[in-house]
Amino acid sequence: MMKTFCLMLLSMATFVLAAGCQGNRQGAEEHEALADPNNKAAVAIYKRQCISCHAADLGGRVGPSLKELGAIMSTEQIAGKIAEGGSGMPAFSNKLTKEEINLLAVWLDQLETR
């Protein structure tokens, strides 16, 4: 009886630990784009200017999800939207340089292909 109880307890503990590890991996995937070592400058701009509306996982908050933006818009269209705003999004041409806007647009466009 005690052996059965111990096996059952061990099985439940294994299940709980496995579920916890899966949750951590899922959280890691959500923030993968913001940990992009290939474009620290674009990530820094995103964190400084975009994260409050588009969320840390790029899934959207006040603004829409940006996770697959590259499938919907070209790099040039993304840069134009960042610079000029529209549809509820503020313009950033007065807050970011043209180079920063282009860097962010290229990064957002490439997210779709990862």
PDB file of N, CA and C in Angstrom:
ATOM      1  N   MET A   1       0.830  -1.190   0.000  1.00  0.00           N
ATOM      2  CA  MET A   1       0.000   0.000   0.000  1.00  0.00           C
ATOM      3  C   MET A   1       0.878   1.258   0.000  1.00  0.00           C
ATOM      4  N   MET A   2       1.892   1.261   0.845  1.00  0.00           N
ATOM      5  CA  MET A   2       2.786   2.415   0.932  1.00  0.00           C
ATOM      6  C   MET A   2       3.585   2.573  -0.358  1.00  0.00           C
ATOM      7  N   LYS A   3       3.973   1.463  -0.962  1.00  0.00           N
ATOM      8  CA  LYS A   3       4.723   1.502  -2.213  1.00  0.00           C
ATOM      9  C   LYS A   3       3.872   2.121  -3.322  1.00  0.00           C
ATOM     10  N   THR A   4       2.607   1.773  -3.399  1.00  0.00           N
ATOM     11  CA  THR A   4       1.679   2.321  -4.390  1.00  0.00           C
ATOM     12  C   THR A   4       1.500   3.818  -4.170  1.00  0.00           C
ATOM     13  N   PHE A   5       1.352   4.202  -2.912  1.00  0.00           N
ATOM     14  CA  PHE A   5       1.190   5.620  -2.586  1.00  0.00           C
ATOM     15  C   PHE A   5       2.423   6.415  -3.007  1.00  0.00           C
ATOM     16  N   CYS A   6       3.602   5.880  -2.722  1.00  0.00           N
ATOM     17  CA  CYS A   6       4.847   6.565  -3.091  1.00  0.00           C
ATOM     18  C   CYS A   6       4.988   6.696  -4.604  1.00  0.00           C
ATOM     19  N   LEU A   7       4.634   5.628  -5.339  1.00  0.00           N
ATOM     20  CA  LEU A   7       4.690   5.693  -6.797  1.00  0.00           C
ATOM     21  C   LEU A   7       3.710   6.725  -7.344  1.00  0.00           C
ATOM     22  N   MET A   8       2.518   6.777  -6.760  1.00  0.00           N
ATOM     23  CA  MET A   8       1.523   7.742  -7.190  1.00  0.00           C
ATOM     24  C   MET A   8       2.006   9.169  -6.903  1.00  0.00           C
ATOM     25  N   LEU A   9       2.579   9.373  -5.735  1.00  0.00           N
ATOM     26  CA  LEU A   9       3.098  10.685  -5.362  1.00  0.00           C
ATOM     27  C   LEU A   9       4.247  11.101  -6.279  1.00  0.00           C
ATOM     28  N   LEU A  10       5.128  10.170  -6.599  1.00  0.00           N
ATOM     29  CA  LEU A  10       6.238  10.447  -7.506  1.00  0.00           C
ATOM     30  C   LEU A  10       5.735  10.791  -8.905  1.00  0.00           C
ATOM     31  N   SER A  11       4.724  10.084  -9.376  1.00  0.00           N
ATOM     32  CA  SER A  11       4.133  10.365 -10.688  1.00  0.00           C
ATOM     33  C   SER A  11       3.522  11.759 -10.732  1.00  0.00           C
ATOM     34  N   MET A  12       2.812  12.117  -9.674  1.00  0.00           N
ATOM     35  CA  MET A  12       2.197  13.455  -9.634  1.00  0.00           C
ATOM     36  C   MET A  12       3.261  14.539  -9.596  1.00  0.00           C
ATOM     37  N   ALA A  13       4.312  14.321  -8.837  1.00  0.00           N
ATOM     38  CA  ALA A  13       5.390  15.310  -8.755  1.00  0.00           C
ATOM     39  C   ALA A  13       6.062  15.489 -10.115  1.00  0.00           C
ATOM     40  N   THR A  14       6.292  14.381 -10.810  1.00  0.00           N
ATOM     41  CA  THR A  14       6.896  14.441 -12.149  1.00  0.00           C
ATOM     42  C   THR A  14       6.004  15.226 -13.102  1.00  0.00           C
ATOM     43  N   PHE A  15       4.700  14.971 -13.045  1.00  0.00           N
ATOM     44  CA  PHE A  15       3.755  15.688 -13.896  1.00  0.00           C
ATOM     45  C   PHE A  15       3.782  17.184 -13.610  1.00  0.00           C
ATOM     46  N   VAL A  16       3.777  17.556 -12.350  1.00  0.00           N
ATOM     47  CA  VAL A  16       3.785  18.969 -11.966  1.00  0.00           C
ATOM     48  C   VAL A  16       5.071  19.643 -12.429  1.00  0.00           C
ATOM     49  N   LEU A  17       6.206  18.977 -12.244  1.00  0.00           N
ATOM     50  CA  LEU A  17       7.479  19.548 -12.689  1.00  0.00           C
ATOM     51  C   LEU A  17       7.535  19.690 -14.200  1.00  0.00           C
ATOM     52  N   ALA A  18       7.051  18.695 -14.921  1.00  0.00           N
ATOM     53  CA  ALA A  18       7.046  18.766 -16.389  1.00  0.00           C
ATOM     54  C   ALA A  18       6.151  19.897 -16.867  1.00  0.00           C
ATOM     55  N   ALA A  19       5.014  20.071 -16.252  1.00  0.00           N
ATOM     56  CA  ALA A  19       4.104  21.162 -16.624  1.00  0.00           C
ATOM     57  C   ALA A  19       4.739  22.514 -16.340  1.00  0.00           C
ATOM     58  N   GLY A  20       5.441  22.614 -15.233  1.00  0.00           N
ATOM     59  CA  GLY A  20       6.117  23.864 -14.892  1.00  0.00           C
ATOM     60  C   GLY A  20       7.216  24.202 -15.877  1.00  0.00           C
ATOM     61  N   CYS A  21       7.968  23.208 -16.305  1.00  0.00           N
ATOM     62  CA  CYS A  21       9.032  23.440 -17.288  1.00  0.00           C
ATOM     63  C   CYS A  21       8.455  23.875 -18.622  1.00  0.00           C
ATOM     64  N   GLN A  22       7.347  23.289 -19.035  1.00  0.00           N
ATOM     65  CA  GLN A  22       6.700  23.686 -20.287  1.00  0.00           C
ATOM     66  C   GLN A  22       6.268  25.141 -20.222  1.00  0.00           C
ATOM     67  N   GLY A  23       5.729  25.552 -19.090  1.00  0.00           N
ATOM     68  CA  GLY A  23       5.296  26.939 -18.937  1.00  0.00           C
ATOM     69  C   GLY A  23       6.450  27.903 -19.059  1.00  0.00           C
ATOM     70  N   ASN A  24       7.595  27.540 -18.504  1.00  0.00           N
ATOM     71  CA  ASN A  24       8.771  28.404 -18.599  1.00  0.00           C
ATOM     72  C   ASN A  24       9.261  28.497 -20.028  1.00  0.00           C
ATOM     73  N   ARG A  25       9.217  27.391 -20.779  1.00  0.00           N
ATOM     74  CA  ARG A  25       9.652  27.412 -22.177  1.00  0.00           C
ATOM     75  C   ARG A  25       8.721  28.287 -22.996  1.00  0.00           C
ATOM     76  N   GLN A  26       7.424  28.170 -22.734  1.00  0.00           N
ATOM     77  CA  GLN A  26       6.465  28.986 -23.470  1.00  0.00           C
ATOM     78  C   GLN A  26       6.738  30.466 -23.211  1.00  0.00           C
ATOM     79  N   GLY A  27       7.011  30.819 -21.968  1.00  0.00           N
ATOM     80  CA  GLY A  27       7.332  32.199 -21.643  1.00  0.00           C
ATOM     81  C   GLY A  27       8.604  32.645 -22.337  1.00  0.00           C
ATOM     82  N   ALA A  28       9.574  31.750 -22.438  1.00  0.00           N
ATOM     83  CA  ALA A  28      10.829  32.076 -23.114  1.00  0.00           C
ATOM     84  C   ALA A  28      10.592  32.339 -24.585  1.00  0.00           C
ATOM     85  N   GLU A  29       9.710  31.555 -25.222  1.00  0.00           N
ATOM     86  CA  GLU A  29       9.410  31.763 -26.637  1.00  0.00           C
ATOM     87  C   GLU A  29       8.740  33.109 -26.869  1.00  0.00           C
ATOM     88  N   GLU A  30       7.885  33.514 -25.951  1.00  0.00           N
ATOM     89  CA  GLU A  30       7.182  34.781 -26.095  1.00  0.00           C
ATOM     90  C   GLU A  30       8.144  35.959 -26.097  1.00  0.00           C
ATOM     91  N   HIS A  31       9.250  35.835 -25.383  1.00  0.00           N
ATOM     92  CA  HIS A  31      10.201  36.939 -25.278  1.00  0.00           C
ATOM     93  C   HIS A  31      11.437  36.739 -26.147  1.00  0.00           C
ATOM     94  N   GLU A  32      11.412  35.713 -26.981  1.00  0.00           N
ATOM     95  CA  GLU A  32      12.553  35.395 -27.836  1.00  0.00           C
ATOM     96  C   GLU A  32      12.925  36.563 -28.740  1.00  0.00           C
ATOM     97  N   ALA A  33      11.946  37.224 -29.307  1.00  0.00           N
ATOM     98  CA  ALA A  33      12.219  38.335 -30.216  1.00  0.00           C
ATOM     99  C   ALA A  33      12.932  39.472 -29.500  1.00  0.00           C
ATOM    100  N   LEU A  34      12.597  39.686 -28.236  1.00  0.00           N
ATOM    101  CA  LEU A  34      13.228  40.766 -27.495  1.00  0.00           C
ATOM    102  C   LEU A  34      14.609  40.390 -26.965  1.00  0.00           C
ATOM    103  N   ALA A  35      14.979  39.143 -27.104  1.00  0.00           N
ATOM    104  CA  ALA A  35      16.307  38.706 -26.698  1.00  0.00           C
ATOM    105  C   ALA A  35      17.201  38.509 -27.918  1.00  0.00           C
ATOM    106  N   ASP A  36      16.793  39.042 -29.054  1.00  0.00           N
ATOM    107  CA  ASP A  36      17.508  38.864 -30.308  1.00  0.00           C
ATOM    108  C   ASP A  36      18.915  39.461 -30.218  1.00  0.00           C
ATOM    109  N   PRO A  37      19.939  38.620 -30.187  1.00  0.00           N
ATOM    110  CA  PRO A  37      21.297  39.142 -30.090  1.00  0.00           C
ATOM    111  C   PRO A  37      21.787  39.769 -31.387  1.00  0.00           C
ATOM    112  N   ASN A  38      21.082  39.509 -32.483  1.00  0.00           N
ATOM    113  CA  ASN A  38      21.501  40.022 -33.780  1.00  0.00           C
ATOM    114  C   ASN A  38      21.128  41.474 -33.995  1.00  0.00           C
ATOM    115  N   ASN A  39      20.243  41.995 -33.200  1.00  0.00           N
ATOM    116  CA  ASN A  39      19.833  43.372 -33.417  1.00  0.00           C
ATOM    117  C   ASN A  39      19.482  44.059 -32.109  1.00  0.00           C
ATOM    118  N   LYS A  40      20.477  44.221 -31.272  1.00  0.00           N
ATOM    119  CA  LYS A  40      20.278  44.839 -29.957  1.00  0.00           C
ATOM    120  C   LYS A  40      19.767  46.268 -30.072  1.00  0.00           C
ATOM    121  N   ALA A  41      20.189  46.989 -31.087  1.00  0.00           N
ATOM    122  CA  ALA A  41      19.756  48.378 -31.239  1.00  0.00           C
ATOM    123  C   ALA A  41      18.259  48.459 -31.519  1.00  0.00           C
ATOM    124  N   ALA A  42      17.751  47.618 -32.416  1.00  0.00           N
ATOM    125  CA  ALA A  42      16.315  47.609 -32.729  1.00  0.00           C
ATOM    126  C   ALA A  42      15.508  47.186 -31.518  1.00  0.00           C
ATOM    127  N   VAL A  43      16.008  46.192 -30.797  1.00  0.00           N
ATOM    128  CA  VAL A  43      15.319  45.727 -29.588  1.00  0.00           C
ATOM    129  C   VAL A  43      15.259  46.850 -28.555  1.00  0.00           C
ATOM    130  N   ALA A  44      16.346  47.586 -28.408  1.00  0.00           N
ATOM    131  CA  ALA A  44      16.372  48.703 -27.453  1.00  0.00           C
ATOM    132  C   ALA A  44      15.357  49.772 -27.844  1.00  0.00           C
ATOM    133  N   ILE A  45      15.251  50.070 -29.125  1.00  0.00           N
ATOM    134  CA  ILE A  45      14.268  51.050 -29.604  1.00  0.00           C
ATOM    135  C   ILE A  45      12.865  50.531 -29.316  1.00  0.00           C
ATOM    136  N   TYR A  46      12.622  49.255 -29.609  1.00  0.00           N
ATOM    137  CA  TYR A  46      11.301  48.661 -29.355  1.00  0.00           C
ATOM    138  C   TYR A  46      10.943  48.772 -27.875  1.00  0.00           C
ATOM    139  N   LYS A  47      11.882  48.426 -27.019  1.00  0.00           N
ATOM    140  CA  LYS A  47      11.621  48.481 -25.578  1.00  0.00           C
ATOM    141  C   LYS A  47      11.350  49.911 -25.117  1.00  0.00           C
ATOM    142  N   ARG A  48      12.042  50.862 -25.697  1.00  0.00           N
ATOM    143  CA  ARG A  48      11.905  52.266 -25.292  1.00  0.00           C
ATOM    144  C   ARG A  48      10.639  52.912 -25.845  1.00  0.00           C
ATOM    145  N   GLN A  49      10.246  52.573 -27.072  1.00  0.00           N
ATOM    146  CA  GLN A  49       9.175  53.303 -27.743  1.00  0.00           C
ATOM    147  C   GLN A  49       7.897  52.502 -28.018  1.00  0.00           C
ATOM    148  N   CYS A  50       7.983  51.187 -28.109  1.00  0.00           N
ATOM    149  CA  CYS A  50       6.858  50.393 -28.635  1.00  0.00           C
ATOM    150  C   CYS A  50       6.201  49.448 -27.639  1.00  0.00           C
ATOM    151  N   ILE A  51       6.964  49.014 -26.664  1.00  0.00           N
ATOM    152  CA  ILE A  51       6.518  47.938 -25.781  1.00  0.00           C
ATOM    153  C   ILE A  51       5.240  48.281 -25.013  1.00  0.00           C
ATOM    154  N   SER A  52       5.040  49.545 -24.684  1.00  0.00           N
ATOM    155  CA  SER A  52       3.858  49.907 -23.898  1.00  0.00           C
ATOM    156  C   SER A  52       2.553  49.667 -24.655  1.00  0.00           C
ATOM    157  N   CYS A  53       2.570  49.762 -25.961  1.00  0.00           N
ATOM    158  CA  CYS A  53       1.361  49.519 -26.759  1.00  0.00           C
ATOM    159  C   CYS A  53       1.332  48.134 -27.403  1.00  0.00           C
ATOM    160  N   HIS A  54       2.493  47.588 -27.724  1.00  0.00           N
ATOM    161  CA  HIS A  54       2.543  46.331 -28.472  1.00  0.00           C
ATOM    162  C   HIS A  54       3.000  45.141 -27.636  1.00  0.00           C
ATOM    163  N   ALA A  55       3.315  45.335 -26.366  1.00  0.00           N
ATOM    164  CA  ALA A  55       3.633  44.298 -25.378  1.00  0.00           C
ATOM    165  C   ALA A  55       5.023  43.688 -25.558  1.00  0.00           C
ATOM    166  N   ALA A  56       5.496  43.086 -24.493  1.00  0.00           N
ATOM    167  CA  ALA A  56       6.830  42.470 -24.488  1.00  0.00           C
ATOM    168  C   ALA A  56       6.914  41.287 -25.441  1.00  0.00           C
ATOM    169  N   ASP A  57       5.804  40.594 -25.642  1.00  0.00           N
ATOM    170  CA  ASP A  57       5.807  39.441 -26.549  1.00  0.00           C
ATOM    171  C   ASP A  57       5.383  39.822 -27.963  1.00  0.00           C
ATOM    172  N   LEU A  58       5.241  41.120 -28.234  1.00  0.00           N
ATOM    173  CA  LEU A  58       4.817  41.673 -29.515  1.00  0.00           C
ATOM    174  C   LEU A  58       3.387  41.264 -29.872  1.00  0.00           C
ATOM    175  N   GLY A  59       2.668  40.735 -28.905  1.00  0.00           N
ATOM    176  CA  GLY A  59       1.324  40.221 -29.138  1.00  0.00           C
ATOM    177  C   GLY A  59       0.239  41.271 -29.141  1.00  0.00           C
ATOM    178  N   GLY A  60       0.578  42.493 -28.827  1.00  0.00           N
ATOM    179  CA  GLY A  60      -0.403  43.563 -28.819  1.00  0.00           C
ATOM    180  C   GLY A  60      -0.971  43.805 -27.441  1.00  0.00           C
ATOM    181  N   ARG A  61      -1.278  45.021 -27.185  1.00  0.00           N
ATOM    182  CA  ARG A  61      -1.908  45.448 -25.939  1.00  0.00           C
ATOM    183  C   ARG A  61      -2.932  46.481 -26.355  1.00  0.00           C
ATOM    184  N   VAL A  62      -2.554  47.734 -26.374  1.00  0.00           N
ATOM    185  CA  VAL A  62      -3.403  48.794 -26.923  1.00  0.00           C
ATOM    186  C   VAL A  62      -3.315  48.743 -28.450  1.00  0.00           C
ATOM    187  N   GLY A  63      -2.111  48.527 -28.948  1.00  0.00           N
ATOM    188  CA  GLY A  63      -1.879  48.397 -30.381  1.00  0.00           C
ATOM    189  C   GLY A  63      -1.962  46.944 -30.811  1.00  0.00           C
ATOM    190  N   PRO A  64      -1.957  46.688 -32.105  1.00  0.00           N
ATOM    191  CA  PRO A  64      -2.091  45.311 -32.607  1.00  0.00           C
ATOM    192  C   PRO A  64      -0.823  44.476 -32.423  1.00  0.00           C
ATOM    193  N   SER A  65      -0.961  43.187 -32.620  1.00  0.00           N
ATOM    194  CA  SER A  65       0.173  42.272 -32.587  1.00  0.00           C
ATOM    195  C   SER A  65       1.132  42.596 -33.732  1.00  0.00           C
ATOM    196  N   LEU A  66       2.409  42.485 -33.443  1.00  0.00           N
ATOM    197  CA  LEU A  66       3.437  42.713 -34.463  1.00  0.00           C
ATOM    198  C   LEU A  66       4.185  41.430 -34.799  1.00  0.00           C
ATOM    199  N   LYS A  67       3.725  40.313 -34.271  1.00  0.00           N
ATOM    200  CA  LYS A  67       4.442  39.043 -34.417  1.00  0.00           C
ATOM    201  C   LYS A  67       4.643  38.622 -35.865  1.00  0.00           C
ATOM    202  N   GLU A  68       3.686  38.867 -36.735  1.00  0.00           N
ATOM    203  CA  GLU A  68       3.812  38.450 -38.135  1.00  0.00           C
ATOM    204  C   GLU A  68       3.627  39.647 -39.069  1.00  0.00           C
ATOM    205  N   LEU A  69       4.097  40.786 -38.618  1.00  0.00           N
ATOM    206  CA  LEU A  69       3.941  42.015 -39.385  1.00  0.00           C
ATOM    207  C   LEU A  69       4.593  41.924 -40.756  1.00  0.00           C
ATOM    208  N   GLY A  70       5.730  41.229 -40.833  1.00  0.00           N
ATOM    209  CA  GLY A  70       6.448  41.089 -42.100  1.00  0.00           C
ATOM    210  C   GLY A  70       5.667  40.335 -43.162  1.00  0.00           C
ATOM    211  N   ALA A  71       4.693  39.548 -42.757  1.00  0.00           N
ATOM    212  CA  ALA A  71       3.855  38.822 -43.715  1.00  0.00           C
ATOM    213  C   ALA A  71       2.757  39.723 -44.277  1.00  0.00           C
ATOM    214  N   ILE A  72       2.510  40.828 -43.604  1.00  0.00           N
ATOM    215  CA  ILE A  72       1.417  41.731 -43.981  1.00  0.00           C
ATOM    216  C   ILE A  72       1.928  42.990 -44.681  1.00  0.00           C
ATOM    217  N   MET A  73       3.077  43.489 -44.212  1.00  0.00           N
ATOM    218  CA  MET A  73       3.617  44.751 -44.726  1.00  0.00           C
ATOM    219  C   MET A  73       5.074  44.575 -45.141  1.00  0.00           C
ATOM    220  N   SER A  74       5.496  45.386 -46.096  1.00  0.00           N
ATOM    221  CA  SER A  74       6.915  45.403 -46.496  1.00  0.00           C
ATOM    222  C   SER A  74       7.697  46.241 -45.489  1.00  0.00           C
ATOM    223  N   THR A  75       9.007  46.161 -45.561  1.00  0.00           N
ATOM    224  CA  THR A  75       9.859  46.969 -44.694  1.00  0.00           C
ATOM    225  C   THR A  75       9.552  48.451 -44.878  1.00  0.00           C
ATOM    226  N   GLU A  76       9.366  48.865 -46.119  1.00  0.00           N
ATOM    227  CA  GLU A  76       9.071  50.276 -46.406  1.00  0.00           C
ATOM    228  C   GLU A  76       7.729  50.695 -45.812  1.00  0.00           C
ATOM    229  N   GLN A  77       6.737  49.830 -45.902  1.00  0.00           N
ATOM    230  CA  GLN A  77       5.424  50.140 -45.323  1.00  0.00           C
ATOM    231  C   GLN A  77       5.500  50.221 -43.798  1.00  0.00           C
ATOM    232  N   ILE A  78       6.261  49.331 -43.200  1.00  0.00           N
ATOM    233  CA  ILE A  78       6.432  49.357 -41.745  1.00  0.00           C
ATOM    234  C   ILE A  78       7.112  50.653 -41.327  1.00  0.00           C
ATOM    235  N   ALA A  79       8.175  51.033 -42.045  1.00  0.00           N
ATOM    236  CA  ALA A  79       8.885  52.278 -41.735  1.00  0.00           C
ATOM    237  C   ALA A  79       7.957  53.479 -41.884  1.00  0.00           C
ATOM    238  N   GLY A  80       7.131  53.485 -42.916  1.00  0.00           N
ATOM    239  CA  GLY A  80       6.189  54.579 -43.119  1.00  0.00           C
ATOM    240  C   GLY A  80       5.177  54.672 -41.987  1.00  0.00           C
ATOM    241  N   LYS A  81       4.689  53.530 -41.538  1.00  0.00           N
ATOM    242  CA  LYS A  81       3.721  53.504 -40.442  1.00  0.00           C
ATOM    243  C   LYS A  81       4.354  54.008 -39.154  1.00  0.00           C
ATOM    244  N   ILE A  82       5.588  53.601 -38.894  1.00  0.00           N
ATOM    245  CA  ILE A  82       6.286  54.072 -37.698  1.00  0.00           C
ATOM    246  C   ILE A  82       6.484  55.586 -37.773  1.00  0.00           C
ATOM    247  N   ALA A  83       6.940  56.064 -38.905  1.00  0.00           N
ATOM    248  CA  ALA A  83       7.230  57.492 -39.059  1.00  0.00           C
ATOM    249  C   ALA A  83       5.972  58.350 -39.009  1.00  0.00           C
ATOM    250  N   GLU A  84       4.945  57.944 -39.760  1.00  0.00           N
ATOM    251  CA  GLU A  84       3.757  58.792 -39.924  1.00  0.00           C
ATOM    252  C   GLU A  84       2.591  58.431 -39.016  1.00  0.00           C
ATOM    253  N   GLY A  85       2.601  57.222 -38.453  1.00  0.00           N
ATOM    254  CA  GLY A  85       1.506  56.797 -37.599  1.00  0.00           C
ATOM    255  C   GLY A  85       0.237  56.572 -38.397  1.00  0.00           C
ATOM    256  N   GLY A  86      -0.896  56.675 -37.735  1.00  0.00           N
ATOM    257  CA  GLY A  86      -2.190  56.494 -38.374  1.00  0.00           C
ATOM    258  C   GLY A  86      -2.971  55.358 -37.762  1.00  0.00           C
ATOM    259  N   SER A  87      -4.284  55.415 -37.886  1.00  0.00           N
ATOM    260  CA  SER A  87      -5.188  54.402 -37.320  1.00  0.00           C
ATOM    261  C   SER A  87      -4.954  54.210 -35.825  1.00  0.00           C
ATOM    262  N   GLY A  88      -4.777  55.296 -35.118  1.00  0.00           N
ATOM    263  CA  GLY A  88      -4.590  55.241 -33.671  1.00  0.00           C
ATOM    264  C   GLY A  88      -3.141  55.210 -33.224  1.00  0.00           C
ATOM    265  N   MET A  89      -2.230  54.945 -34.142  1.00  0.00           N
ATOM    266  CA  MET A  89      -0.810  54.914 -33.787  1.00  0.00           C
ATOM    267  C   MET A  89      -0.215  56.304 -33.953  1.00  0.00           C
ATOM    268  N   PRO A  90       0.527  56.765 -32.942  1.00  0.00           N
ATOM    269  CA  PRO A  90       1.171  58.073 -33.077  1.00  0.00           C
ATOM    270  C   PRO A  90       2.345  58.027 -34.048  1.00  0.00           C
ATOM    271  N   ALA A  91       2.682  59.155 -34.618  1.00  0.00           N
ATOM    272  CA  ALA A  91       3.851  59.267 -35.492  1.00  0.00           C
ATOM    273  C   ALA A  91       5.109  59.317 -34.637  1.00  0.00           C
ATOM    274  N   PHE A  92       6.160  58.682 -35.115  1.00  0.00           N
ATOM    275  CA  PHE A  92       7.425  58.675 -34.382  1.00  0.00           C
ATOM    276  C   PHE A  92       8.537  59.407 -35.119  1.00  0.00           C
ATOM    277  N   SER A  93       8.197  60.083 -36.214  1.00  0.00           N
ATOM    278  CA  SER A  93       9.222  60.809 -36.966  1.00  0.00           C
ATOM    279  C   SER A  93       9.834  61.946 -36.148  1.00  0.00           C
ATOM    280  N   ASN A  94       9.121  62.395 -35.127  1.00  0.00           N
ATOM    281  CA  ASN A  94       9.670  63.459 -34.278  1.00  0.00           C
ATOM    282  C   ASN A  94      10.364  62.899 -33.030  1.00  0.00           C
ATOM    283  N   LYS A  95      10.314  61.582 -32.846  1.00  0.00           N
ATOM    284  CA  LYS A  95      10.942  60.955 -31.675  1.00  0.00           C
ATOM    285  C   LYS A  95      12.114  60.054 -32.037  1.00  0.00           C
ATOM    286  N   LEU A  96      12.106  59.553 -33.256  1.00  0.00           N
ATOM    287  CA  LEU A  96      13.159  58.645 -33.714  1.00  0.00           C
ATOM    288  C   LEU A  96      13.816  59.207 -34.971  1.00  0.00           C
ATOM    289  N   THR A  97      15.096  58.901 -35.139  1.00  0.00           N
ATOM    290  CA  THR A  97      15.772  59.313 -36.371  1.00  0.00           C
ATOM    291  C   THR A  97      15.313  58.401 -37.505  1.00  0.00           C
ATOM    292  N   LYS A  98      15.582  58.811 -38.725  1.00  0.00           N
ATOM    293  CA  LYS A  98      15.246  57.984 -39.884  1.00  0.00           C
ATOM    294  C   LYS A  98      15.971  56.637 -39.808  1.00  0.00           C
ATOM    295  N   GLU A  99      17.211  56.653 -39.344  1.00  0.00           N
ATOM    296  CA  GLU A  99      17.988  55.421 -39.203  1.00  0.00           C
ATOM    297  C   GLU A  99      17.354  54.490 -38.164  1.00  0.00           C
ATOM    298  N   GLU A 100      16.905  55.051 -37.050  1.00  0.00           N
ATOM    299  CA  GLU A 100      16.259  54.235 -36.022  1.00  0.00           C
ATOM    300  C   GLU A 100      14.952  53.624 -36.536  1.00  0.00           C
ATOM    301  N   ILE A 101      14.183  54.415 -37.271  1.00  0.00           N
ATOM    302  CA  ILE A 101      12.931  53.930 -37.853  1.00  0.00           C
ATOM    303  C   ILE A 101      13.210  52.789 -38.822  1.00  0.00           C
ATOM    304  N   ASN A 102      14.205  52.956 -39.678  1.00  0.00           N
ATOM    305  CA  ASN A 102      14.551  51.911 -40.648  1.00  0.00           C
ATOM    306  C   ASN A 102      15.073  50.646 -39.960  1.00  0.00           C
ATOM    307  N   LEU A 103      15.881  50.818 -38.944  1.00  0.00           N
ATOM    308  CA  LEU A 103      16.403  49.685 -38.190  1.00  0.00           C
ATOM    309  C   LEU A 103      15.268  48.886 -37.551  1.00  0.00           C
ATOM    310  N   LEU A 104      14.335  49.592 -36.940  1.00  0.00           N
ATOM    311  CA  LEU A 104      13.179  48.958 -36.313  1.00  0.00           C
ATOM    312  C   LEU A 104      12.289  48.282 -37.354  1.00  0.00           C
ATOM    313  N   ALA A 105      12.091  48.932 -38.489  1.00  0.00           N
ATOM    314  CA  ALA A 105      11.258  48.364 -39.559  1.00  0.00           C
ATOM    315  C   ALA A 105      11.861  47.076 -40.116  1.00  0.00           C
ATOM    316  N   VAL A 106      13.163  47.061 -40.343  1.00  0.00           N
ATOM    317  CA  VAL A 106      13.829  45.853 -40.845  1.00  0.00           C
ATOM    318  C   VAL A 106      13.694  44.727 -39.826  1.00  0.00           C
ATOM    319  N   TRP A 107      13.911  45.024 -38.561  1.00  0.00           N
ATOM    320  CA  TRP A 107      13.804  44.025 -37.501  1.00  0.00           C
ATOM    321  C   TRP A 107      12.385  43.451 -37.429  1.00  0.00           C
ATOM    322  N   LEU A 108      11.388  44.317 -37.444  1.00  0.00           N
ATOM    323  CA  LEU A 108      10.003  43.860 -37.392  1.00  0.00           C
ATOM    324  C   LEU A 108       9.638  43.029 -38.617  1.00  0.00           C
ATOM    325  N   ASP A 109      10.138  43.426 -39.778  1.00  0.00           N
ATOM    326  CA  ASP A 109       9.876  42.669 -40.996  1.00  0.00           C
ATOM    327  C   ASP A 109      10.494  41.274 -40.923  1.00  0.00           C
ATOM    328  N   GLN A 110      11.681  41.175 -40.370  1.00  0.00           N
ATOM    329  CA  GLN A 110      12.381  39.893 -40.307  1.00  0.00           C
ATOM    330  C   GLN A 110      11.827  38.951 -39.239  1.00  0.00           C
ATOM    331  N   LEU A 111      11.067  39.457 -38.285  1.00  0.00           N
ATOM    332  CA  LEU A 111      10.499  38.586 -37.248  1.00  0.00           C
ATOM    333  C   LEU A 111       9.642  37.500 -37.834  1.00  0.00           C
ATOM    334  N   GLU A 112       8.931  37.799 -38.898  1.00  0.00           N
ATOM    335  CA  GLU A 112       8.017  36.857 -39.527  1.00  0.00           C
ATOM    336  C   GLU A 112       8.753  35.654 -40.092  1.00  0.00           C
ATOM    337  N   THR A 113      10.003  35.828 -40.475  1.00  0.00           N
ATOM    338  CA  THR A 113      10.731  34.752 -41.136  1.00  0.00           C
ATOM    339  C   THR A 113      11.465  33.838 -40.153  1.00  0.00           C
ATOM    340  N   ARG A 114      11.410  34.121 -38.870  1.00  0.00           N
ATOM    341  CA  ARG A 114      12.120  33.291 -37.880  1.00  0.00           C
ATOM    342  C   ARG A 114      11.333  32.091 -37.488  1.00  0.00           C
TER     343      ARG A 114
END
